[in-house]
Amino acid sequence: MKTLMRGAAVGLALALGTQVAQAQAGLSLGLGAGAVIPTGSMADLNSTGWTGQTSLRVKPAVSPLGFQVDASYSRMGFDTDLVDGHTSMLAGTANAVFAFPSAAVARPYLIGGLGVYNMKATVGDVSGSDTKFGANAGAGFDLKLGSASLYAEGRFHAIFNGGSDSETLEEATAYMIPLTVGLRWSLR
């Protein structure tokens, strides 16, 4: 009888262990690129540019909520013939991700969080940089391709005191919209 009880206990422990292993967080790495569109006062000086992004996402298998950290680099040229230069930006954000439950191949998600943005303006050999805080929110979808996923997303970034009002020259919130397409791989 003791052997039967031990066997049942071991079997139950293995079954629960399997359930826990399946419910553990999924970890994925994403790499993407696309266009970045300046808006508001940022569009007064900058033209549409390009962006690159890398991300690390953790998403529990049993929850639609996950967490993503990402780093991006964006570059936008000055939108004037008077000055030859550009604005570059290195950003790091921490985000909550809500993936809508879906049995379809394409799975939509919402993303949003806070970040740190280092902006650098370069004119000829002269440059200056400043670091500001900001927030972002957006939406996208993952399209399953075997063990990887193709993703496309658009986000709205607000960089607090990251720009200047063109009329008063006082600090103002800078806005930009990166549109990114990339691949996401599971790291389980």
Protein backbone atom coordinates (compact mmCIF):
# COMPACT_ATOMS: atom_id res chain seq x y z
CA MET A 1 0.00 0.00 0.00
CA LYS A 2 2.87 2.37 0.84
CA THR A 3 4.42 1.68 -2.57
CA LEU A 4 1.11 2.49 -4.26
CA MET A 5 0.84 5.77 -2.29
CA ARG A 6 4.42 6.72 -3.15
CA GLY A 7 3.81 5.92 -6.81
CA ALA A 8 0.65 8.05 -6.81
CA ALA A 9 2.51 10.91 -5.10
CA VAL A 10 5.39 10.74 -7.61
CA GLY A 11 2.90 10.60 -10.50
CA LEU A 12 1.00 13.60 -9.14
CA ALA A 13 4.26 15.54 -8.66
CA LEU A 14 5.32 14.78 -12.25
CA ALA A 15 1.92 15.81 -13.60
CA LEU A 16 1.98 19.08 -11.66
CA GLY A 17 5.59 19.71 -12.70
CA THR A 18 4.60 19.29 -16.35
CA GLN A 19 1.71 21.75 -15.89
CA VAL A 20 4.03 24.30 -14.24
CA ALA A 21 6.63 23.90 -17.01
CA GLN A 22 3.97 24.49 -19.67
CA ALA A 23 2.64 27.54 -17.83
CA GLN A 24 6.05 29.18 -17.46
CA ALA A 25 6.84 32.37 -19.24
CA GLY A 26 7.64 32.38 -22.93
CA LEU A 27 10.70 34.46 -23.78
CA SER A 28 11.20 35.97 -27.23
CA LEU A 29 13.70 38.21 -29.01
CA GLY A 30 12.59 40.67 -31.70
CA LEU A 31 14.54 42.60 -34.34
CA GLY A 32 12.84 45.16 -36.55
CA ALA A 33 13.23 48.27 -38.68
CA GLY A 34 11.02 50.85 -40.32
CA ALA A 35 10.15 54.49 -40.69
CA VAL A 36 9.87 57.13 -37.96
CA ILE A 37 7.52 60.05 -38.52
CA PRO A 38 8.05 63.20 -36.43
CA THR A 39 4.84 65.03 -35.44
CA GLY A 40 3.98 68.24 -33.62
CA SER A 41 6.88 70.59 -32.93
CA MET A 42 9.34 67.81 -33.81
CA ALA A 43 8.02 67.90 -37.39
CA ASP A 44 8.85 71.63 -37.61
CA LEU A 45 12.55 70.78 -37.80
CA ASN A 46 12.79 67.07 -38.74
CA SER A 47 11.73 65.03 -41.76
CA THR A 48 10.63 61.40 -41.84
CA GLY A 49 13.54 59.09 -41.05
CA TRP A 50 14.37 55.49 -40.26
CA THR A 51 14.45 53.39 -37.09
CA GLY A 52 15.83 50.06 -35.87
CA GLN A 53 14.58 48.17 -32.83
CA THR A 54 15.50 45.18 -30.69
CA SER A 55 13.16 43.83 -28.03
CA LEU A 56 12.97 41.16 -25.37
CA ARG A 57 9.47 39.97 -24.42
CA VAL A 58 8.32 37.81 -21.52
CA LYS A 59 4.78 36.48 -21.74
CA PRO A 60 3.27 33.90 -19.40
CA ALA A 61 1.50 31.17 -21.34
CA VAL A 62 -1.66 31.41 -19.23
CA SER A 63 -2.04 35.20 -19.30
CA PRO A 64 -2.70 37.72 -22.06
CA LEU A 65 -0.46 40.21 -20.22
CA GLY A 66 3.29 40.29 -20.78
CA PHE A 67 6.31 42.57 -20.38
CA GLN A 68 8.66 43.89 -23.05
CA VAL A 69 11.84 45.94 -22.90
CA ASP A 70 13.23 47.38 -26.08
CA ALA A 71 16.02 49.56 -27.39
CA SER A 72 15.76 51.59 -30.56
CA TYR A 73 17.84 53.91 -32.69
CA SER A 74 16.17 56.50 -34.91
CA ARG A 75 17.59 59.06 -37.31
CA MET A 76 15.74 61.96 -38.93
CA GLY A 77 17.19 64.59 -41.25
CA PHE A 78 16.56 68.29 -40.75
CA ASP A 79 13.64 69.52 -42.85
CA THR A 80 15.33 72.67 -44.12
CA ASP A 81 17.70 73.68 -46.90
CA LEU A 82 19.40 76.23 -44.63
CA VAL A 83 21.13 73.70 -42.36
CA ASP A 84 22.72 70.35 -43.21
CA GLY A 85 22.29 68.01 -40.26
CA HIS A 86 20.20 65.42 -38.51
CA THR A 87 18.67 64.33 -35.23
CA SER A 88 19.47 60.87 -33.89
CA MET A 89 17.81 59.21 -30.94
CA LEU A 90 18.73 56.25 -28.77
CA ALA A 91 15.77 55.07 -26.65
CA GLY A 92 15.06 52.37 -24.10
CA THR A 93 11.51 51.57 -23.00
CA ALA A 94 9.80 49.21 -20.55
CA ASN A 95 6.30 48.21 -21.64
CA ALA A 96 3.25 46.19 -20.70
CA VAL A 97 1.91 44.09 -23.58
CA PHE A 98 -1.69 42.85 -23.85
CA ALA A 99 -2.05 40.12 -26.49
CA PHE A 100 -5.66 39.51 -27.49
CA PRO A 101 -6.69 35.86 -27.18
CA SER A 102 -6.87 34.45 -30.69
CA ALA A 103 -6.71 31.08 -32.40
CA ALA A 104 -5.94 32.81 -35.70
CA VAL A 105 -2.47 32.94 -37.24
CA ALA A 106 -2.34 36.75 -36.70
CA ARG A 107 -2.54 37.80 -33.04
CA PRO A 108 -3.14 41.52 -32.31
CA TYR A 109 -1.65 43.23 -29.25
CA LEU A 110 -1.57 46.56 -27.44
CA ILE A 111 1.69 47.92 -26.01
CA GLY A 112 2.55 50.88 -23.81
CA GLY A 113 5.04 52.05 -21.22
CA LEU A 114 7.72 54.48 -20.12
CA GLY A 115 11.15 55.19 -21.50
CA VAL A 116 14.38 57.15 -21.56
CA TYR A 117 15.31 59.00 -24.76
CA ASN A 118 18.76 60.40 -25.62
CA MET A 119 18.41 62.87 -28.48
CA LYS A 120 21.42 64.21 -30.35
CA ALA A 121 21.33 67.03 -32.92
CA THR A 122 24.25 67.22 -35.34
CA VAL A 123 25.04 70.14 -37.65
CA GLY A 124 28.30 69.66 -39.55
CA ASP A 125 30.98 68.80 -36.98
CA VAL A 126 29.02 70.27 -34.06
CA SER A 127 26.61 68.19 -31.98
CA GLY A 128 24.78 68.35 -28.69
CA SER A 129 22.70 65.79 -26.85
CA ASP A 130 20.13 65.68 -24.08
CA THR A 131 18.37 62.86 -22.24
CA LYS A 132 14.64 63.06 -21.45
CA PHE A 133 11.89 60.79 -20.15
CA GLY A 134 8.79 59.88 -22.10
CA ALA A 135 5.90 57.52 -22.63
CA ASN A 136 4.64 55.44 -25.54
CA ALA A 137 1.52 53.54 -26.58
CA GLY A 138 0.60 51.61 -29.68
CA ALA A 139 -0.72 48.48 -31.32
CA GLY A 140 0.57 45.70 -33.52
CA PHE A 141 0.18 42.07 -34.47
CA ASP A 142 2.28 38.92 -34.52
CA LEU A 143 1.92 36.65 -37.56
CA LYS A 144 3.05 33.12 -36.68
CA LEU A 145 5.64 31.63 -39.08
CA GLY A 146 6.64 28.29 -37.55
CA SER A 147 8.92 28.91 -34.58
CA ALA A 148 9.23 32.63 -35.42
CA SER A 149 6.71 35.43 -35.87
CA LEU A 150 6.58 38.36 -38.23
CA TYR A 151 5.46 41.46 -36.36
CA ALA A 152 4.26 44.90 -37.39
CA GLU A 153 3.53 47.70 -34.98
CA GLY A 154 2.98 51.41 -34.73
CA ARG A 155 3.59 53.42 -31.58
CA PHE A 156 3.10 56.99 -30.51
CA HIS A 157 6.02 58.33 -28.43
CA ALA A 158 5.77 61.49 -26.31
CA ILE A 159 9.18 62.74 -25.12
CA PHE A 160 8.63 65.16 -22.25
CA ASN A 161 10.47 68.48 -22.79
CA GLY A 162 12.24 66.87 -25.75
CA GLY A 163 11.49 69.59 -28.26
CA SER A 164 10.94 73.29 -28.44
CA ASP A 165 7.97 75.38 -29.50
CA SER A 166 8.81 77.01 -32.85
CA GLU A 167 7.18 80.31 -31.84
CA THR A 168 8.21 80.74 -28.18
CA LEU A 169 11.35 78.54 -28.25
CA GLU A 170 10.30 77.13 -24.85
CA GLU A 171 10.65 73.42 -24.12
CA ALA A 172 7.76 71.35 -25.41
CA THR A 173 6.87 67.69 -25.64
CA ALA A 174 8.31 66.06 -28.76
CA TYR A 175 6.19 63.48 -30.59
CA MET A 176 7.09 60.77 -33.08
CA ILE A 177 5.48 57.69 -34.58
CA PRO A 178 7.76 54.76 -35.46
CA LEU A 179 6.22 52.16 -37.79
CA THR A 180 8.23 48.95 -37.37
CA VAL A 181 8.22 45.54 -39.10
CA GLY A 182 10.41 42.69 -37.90
CA LEU A 183 10.85 39.11 -36.75
CA ARG A 184 10.38 37.69 -33.26
CA TRP A 185 12.01 34.38 -32.23
CA SER A 186 11.09 32.22 -29.27
CA LEU A 187 14.03 31.65 -26.88
CA ARG A 188 12.46 28.88 -24.77
